Amino acid sequence: MGQTSILGSSKIVAFAGVKDAERARTFYRDTLGLRLVSEDGFALVFDANGTMLRVSLVRELVAAPYTVLGWEVDDIGAKAKALMGAGVKLERYESFLKQDELGIWTAPGGTRVAWFKDPDGNLLSVSQHEH
């Protein structure tokens, strides 16, 4: 008998914690272009291309030192330039990752990644994967 898939056919919901709803709304909706679906005093809910993103309002935020949300893109160079054009600072990790002039790192397998932070310091990424 094969193993039963408990959640394999269910849609995932992504979460990020923020302290300031107004800053988060401006960043995720206006800067990144996600559609705001609702807000209720507990969270801002965005449609991230079919995935629900709940940006939860928290009293204390400890930003993780690793990527918490990422988007797979077709042209990472264009997306990196668009982010910078929108005032988003791409993160630099030159001390341990070799990044190009845009801040894009190429992994050994060919995946290319650039990182940036939301206003609360959550580490986000865009990546272009080899198919």
Protein backbone atom coordinates (compact mmCIF):
# COMPACT_ATOMS: atom_id res chain seq x y z
CA MET A 1 0.00 0.00 0.00
CA GLY A 2 1.21 3.49 -0.86
CA GLN A 3 1.40 6.18 1.75
CA THR A 4 -1.64 8.44 2.02
CA SER A 5 -1.07 12.09 1.15
CA ILE A 6 -2.27 14.09 4.12
CA LEU A 7 -1.61 17.58 2.70
CA GLY A 8 -0.19 16.92 -0.74
CA SER A 9 -3.30 18.11 -2.57
CA SER A 10 -4.05 21.05 -0.26
CA LYS A 11 -3.14 24.65 -1.02
CA ILE A 12 -0.44 26.21 1.11
CA VAL A 13 -0.94 29.45 3.04
CA ALA A 14 2.14 31.61 3.57
CA PHE A 15 2.67 33.75 6.69
CA ALA A 16 4.88 36.70 7.59
CA GLY A 17 4.78 38.71 10.80
CA VAL A 18 4.87 42.50 10.88
CA LYS A 19 4.40 45.20 13.52
CA ASP A 20 3.04 48.01 11.35
CA ALA A 21 -0.01 47.27 9.17
CA GLU A 22 0.20 50.51 7.21
CA ARG A 23 3.85 50.02 6.25
CA ALA A 24 3.15 46.38 5.36
CA ARG A 25 0.12 47.32 3.24
CA THR A 26 2.14 49.91 1.34
CA PHE A 27 5.05 47.52 0.79
CA TYR A 28 3.22 44.32 -0.16
CA ARG A 29 0.37 45.96 -2.10
CA ASP A 30 1.89 49.10 -3.61
CA THR A 31 5.57 48.20 -3.94
CA LEU A 32 5.38 44.46 -4.67
CA GLY A 33 2.00 44.58 -6.41
CA LEU A 34 0.15 41.90 -4.44
CA ARG A 35 -3.64 42.19 -4.35
CA LEU A 36 -4.97 43.03 -0.88
CA VAL A 37 -7.93 40.71 -0.26
CA SER A 38 -8.86 41.69 3.29
CA GLU A 39 -7.66 43.04 6.60
CA ASP A 40 -9.25 42.52 9.96
CA GLY A 41 -7.00 43.91 12.68
CA PHE A 42 -5.20 40.57 13.00
CA ALA A 43 -3.69 40.26 9.53
CA LEU A 44 -3.53 41.70 6.05
CA VAL A 45 -4.46 39.00 3.55
CA PHE A 46 -2.94 39.18 0.09
CA ASP A 47 -3.41 37.11 -3.05
CA ALA A 48 0.11 36.17 -4.13
CA ASN A 49 -0.75 34.77 -7.56
CA GLY A 50 -3.18 32.21 -6.15
CA THR A 51 -1.42 31.64 -2.83
CA MET A 52 -2.84 33.25 0.27
CA LEU A 53 -0.28 35.37 2.11
CA ARG A 54 -1.33 36.30 5.65
CA VAL A 55 0.78 39.18 6.89
CA SER A 56 0.03 38.81 10.58
CA LEU A 57 0.20 41.73 12.98
CA VAL A 58 2.43 40.88 15.92
CA ARG A 59 3.48 42.75 19.04
CA GLU A 60 7.05 41.51 19.03
CA LEU A 61 8.89 40.64 15.87
CA VAL A 62 12.15 38.79 15.68
CA ALA A 63 13.25 38.83 12.05
CA ALA A 64 14.59 35.44 10.98
CA PRO A 65 18.15 35.41 9.63
CA TYR A 66 16.96 33.28 6.70
CA THR A 67 14.51 33.69 3.82
CA VAL A 68 10.87 33.51 4.95
CA LEU A 69 9.12 34.17 1.60
CA GLY A 70 10.26 33.91 -1.98
CA TRP A 71 8.94 34.31 -5.49
CA GLU A 72 10.02 32.24 -8.49
CA VAL A 73 10.44 34.55 -11.49
CA ASP A 74 11.21 34.08 -15.18
CA ASP A 75 13.73 36.94 -15.52
CA ILE A 76 15.54 37.65 -12.27
CA GLY A 77 17.61 40.48 -13.75
CA ALA A 78 14.46 42.36 -14.77
CA LYS A 79 12.79 41.72 -11.40
CA ALA A 80 15.90 42.84 -9.48
CA LYS A 81 15.99 46.07 -11.50
CA ALA A 82 12.23 46.59 -11.00
CA LEU A 83 12.60 46.11 -7.23
CA MET A 84 15.47 48.60 -7.10
CA GLY A 85 13.47 51.01 -9.27
CA ALA A 86 10.67 50.78 -6.70
CA GLY A 87 13.08 51.76 -3.93
CA VAL A 88 13.73 48.25 -2.60
CA LYS A 89 17.33 47.66 -1.48
CA LEU A 90 18.73 44.30 -2.52
CA GLU A 91 20.79 42.62 0.18
CA ARG A 92 24.52 42.01 -0.19
CA TYR A 93 26.27 38.98 1.26
CA GLU A 94 29.63 39.47 -0.46
CA SER A 95 31.55 38.13 2.55
CA PHE A 96 30.29 34.60 1.89
CA LEU A 97 28.40 34.66 -1.45
CA LYS A 98 29.63 35.85 -4.82
CA GLN A 99 26.92 38.15 -6.17
CA ASP A 100 26.83 40.04 -9.46
CA GLU A 101 26.45 43.80 -9.83
CA LEU A 102 22.69 43.55 -9.20
CA GLY A 103 23.12 41.46 -6.05
CA ILE A 104 22.16 38.16 -7.71
CA TRP A 105 23.88 35.00 -6.49
CA THR A 106 24.18 31.92 -8.73
CA ALA A 107 23.96 28.63 -6.83
CA PRO A 108 26.10 25.66 -7.92
CA GLY A 109 23.05 24.06 -9.60
CA GLY A 110 22.35 27.19 -11.65
CA THR A 111 19.50 28.72 -9.62
CA ARG A 112 19.89 32.50 -9.34
CA VAL A 113 18.69 34.31 -6.21
CA ALA A 114 18.44 37.90 -4.95
CA TRP A 115 17.30 38.89 -1.46
CA PHE A 116 15.54 41.93 -0.03
CA LYS A 117 13.75 42.85 3.19
CA ASP A 118 10.27 44.10 3.94
CA PRO A 119 9.91 47.16 6.21
CA ASP A 120 9.93 44.91 9.31
CA GLY A 121 13.14 43.14 8.32
CA ASN A 122 11.64 39.88 7.03
CA LEU A 123 14.05 38.42 4.49
CA LEU A 124 12.38 37.83 1.11
CA SER A 125 13.77 36.58 -2.19
CA VAL A 126 13.25 36.30 -5.90
CA SER A 127 14.74 33.30 -7.69
CA GLN A 128 15.08 32.02 -11.21
CA HIS A 129 15.39 28.25 -11.44
CA GLU A 130 16.94 26.19 -14.20
CA HIS A 131 14.29 23.92 -15.72
